[in-house]
Amino acid sequence: MKDYTPNGYKALRIKYKDKIKNLETVEDLLFNSPSAAAVFVTGKNQNGPRMWKNKAGKTLRELEEN
């Protein structure tokens, strides 16, 4: 893949470093996918639709399927 960069999410953390204070984001950040947001938060590969859950405990995947 031409656009693949193994340190891409590390670069995002550097890019948004001024928007993270005390391990919390201080403003909304927009990512191109749920998985990109999950990787940004955890620092490792994640399946965003399976990781993100609403307050009722339903995953994004479950919500998308219904």
C-alpha atoms as a PDB file:
ATOM      1  CA  MET A   1       0.000   0.000   0.000  1.00  0.00           C
ATOM      2  CA  LYS A   2       1.381   3.308  -1.088  1.00  0.00           C
ATOM      3  CA  ASP A   3      -0.065   5.381   1.773  1.00  0.00           C
ATOM      4  CA  TYR A   4       0.806   2.942   4.570  1.00  0.00           C
ATOM      5  CA  THR A   5       3.009   4.418   7.282  1.00  0.00           C
ATOM      6  CA  PRO A   6       3.720   2.207  10.293  1.00  0.00           C
ATOM      7  CA  ASN A   7       4.220   5.241  12.520  1.00  0.00           C
ATOM      8  CA  GLY A   8       1.173   7.091  11.224  1.00  0.00           C
ATOM      9  CA  TYR A   9      -0.667   7.058  14.537  1.00  0.00           C
ATOM     10  CA  LYS A  10       2.445   8.095  16.379  1.00  0.00           C
ATOM     11  CA  ALA A  11       2.498  11.064  14.034  1.00  0.00           C
ATOM     12  CA  LEU A  12      -1.136  11.816  14.953  1.00  0.00           C
ATOM     13  CA  ARG A  13      -0.238  11.818  18.641  1.00  0.00           C
ATOM     14  CA  ILE A  14       2.556  14.293  17.909  1.00  0.00           C
ATOM     15  CA  LYS A  15       0.260  16.393  15.718  1.00  0.00           C
ATOM     16  CA  TYR A  16      -2.407  16.617  18.429  1.00  0.00           C
ATOM     17  CA  LYS A  17      -0.097  16.807  21.439  1.00  0.00           C
ATOM     18  CA  ASP A  18      -1.331  20.307  22.308  1.00  0.00           C
ATOM     19  CA  LYS A  19      -4.885  18.966  22.425  1.00  0.00           C
ATOM     20  CA  ILE A  20      -4.099  16.359  25.123  1.00  0.00           C
ATOM     21  CA  LYS A  21      -3.786  17.462  28.742  1.00  0.00           C
ATOM     22  CA  ASN A  22      -3.494  15.074  31.698  1.00  0.00           C
ATOM     23  CA  LEU A  23      -4.166  12.116  29.374  1.00  0.00           C
ATOM     24  CA  GLU A  24      -7.477  13.620  28.182  1.00  0.00           C
ATOM     25  CA  THR A  25      -8.336  15.413  24.970  1.00  0.00           C
ATOM     26  CA  VAL A  26      -9.290  19.029  25.569  1.00  0.00           C
ATOM     27  CA  GLU A  27     -11.338  19.340  22.387  1.00  0.00           C
ATOM     28  CA  ASP A  28     -13.054  17.084  19.895  1.00  0.00           C
ATOM     29  CA  LEU A  29     -10.763  15.359  17.396  1.00  0.00           C
ATOM     30  CA  LEU A  30     -11.992  14.037  14.066  1.00  0.00           C
ATOM     31  CA  PHE A  31     -10.502  10.826  12.645  1.00  0.00           C
ATOM     32  CA  ASN A  32     -11.124   9.153   9.298  1.00  0.00           C
ATOM     33  CA  SER A  33     -12.385   5.917  10.874  1.00  0.00           C
ATOM     34  CA  PRO A  34     -13.404   4.422  14.226  1.00  0.00           C
ATOM     35  CA  SER A  35     -10.301   2.230  14.098  1.00  0.00           C
ATOM     36  CA  ALA A  36      -8.022   5.252  13.632  1.00  0.00           C
ATOM     37  CA  ALA A  37      -9.553   6.851  16.718  1.00  0.00           C
ATOM     38  CA  ALA A  38      -9.166   3.606  18.678  1.00  0.00           C
ATOM     39  CA  VAL A  39      -5.518   3.278  17.705  1.00  0.00           C
ATOM     40  CA  PHE A  40      -4.915   6.913  18.660  1.00  0.00           C
ATOM     41  CA  VAL A  41      -6.377   6.271  22.105  1.00  0.00           C
ATOM     42  CA  THR A  42      -4.741   2.919  22.811  1.00  0.00           C
ATOM     43  CA  GLY A  43      -1.495   3.232  20.838  1.00  0.00           C
ATOM     44  CA  LYS A  44      -1.916  -0.192  19.259  1.00  0.00           C
ATOM     45  CA  ASN A  45      -3.927  -1.797  16.459  1.00  0.00           C
ATOM     46  CA  GLN A  46      -7.623  -1.987  17.245  1.00  0.00           C
ATOM     47  CA  ASN A  47     -10.860  -2.846  15.516  1.00  0.00           C
ATOM     48  CA  GLY A  48     -12.801   0.356  16.155  1.00  0.00           C
ATOM     49  CA  PRO A  49     -16.302  -0.962  15.390  1.00  0.00           C
ATOM     50  CA  ARG A  50     -15.773  -3.720  17.955  1.00  0.00           C
ATOM     51  CA  MET A  51     -14.003  -1.544  20.530  1.00  0.00           C
ATOM     52  CA  TRP A  52     -16.249   1.524  20.749  1.00  0.00           C
ATOM     53  CA  LYS A  53     -19.375   1.067  22.853  1.00  0.00           C
ATOM     54  CA  ASN A  54     -22.242   3.320  23.810  1.00  0.00           C
ATOM     55  CA  LYS A  55     -23.466   3.799  27.392  1.00  0.00           C
ATOM     56  CA  ALA A  56     -25.720   0.738  27.054  1.00  0.00           C
ATOM     57  CA  GLY A  57     -22.720  -1.438  26.150  1.00  0.00           C
ATOM     58  CA  LYS A  58     -23.601  -1.920  22.478  1.00  0.00           C
ATOM     59  CA  THR A  59     -20.639  -1.870  20.127  1.00  0.00           C
ATOM     60  CA  LEU A  60     -20.531   0.373  17.071  1.00  0.00           C
ATOM     61  CA  ARG A  61     -20.658  -2.786  14.952  1.00  0.00           C
ATOM     62  CA  GLU A  62     -23.870  -3.886  16.657  1.00  0.00           C
ATOM     63  CA  LEU A  63     -25.407  -0.462  16.122  1.00  0.00           C
ATOM     64  CA  GLU A  64     -24.382  -0.432  12.456  1.00  0.00           C
ATOM     65  CA  GLU A  65     -25.891  -3.900  11.883  1.00  0.00           C
ATOM     66  CA  ASN A  66     -29.300  -2.881  13.285  1.00  0.00           C
END
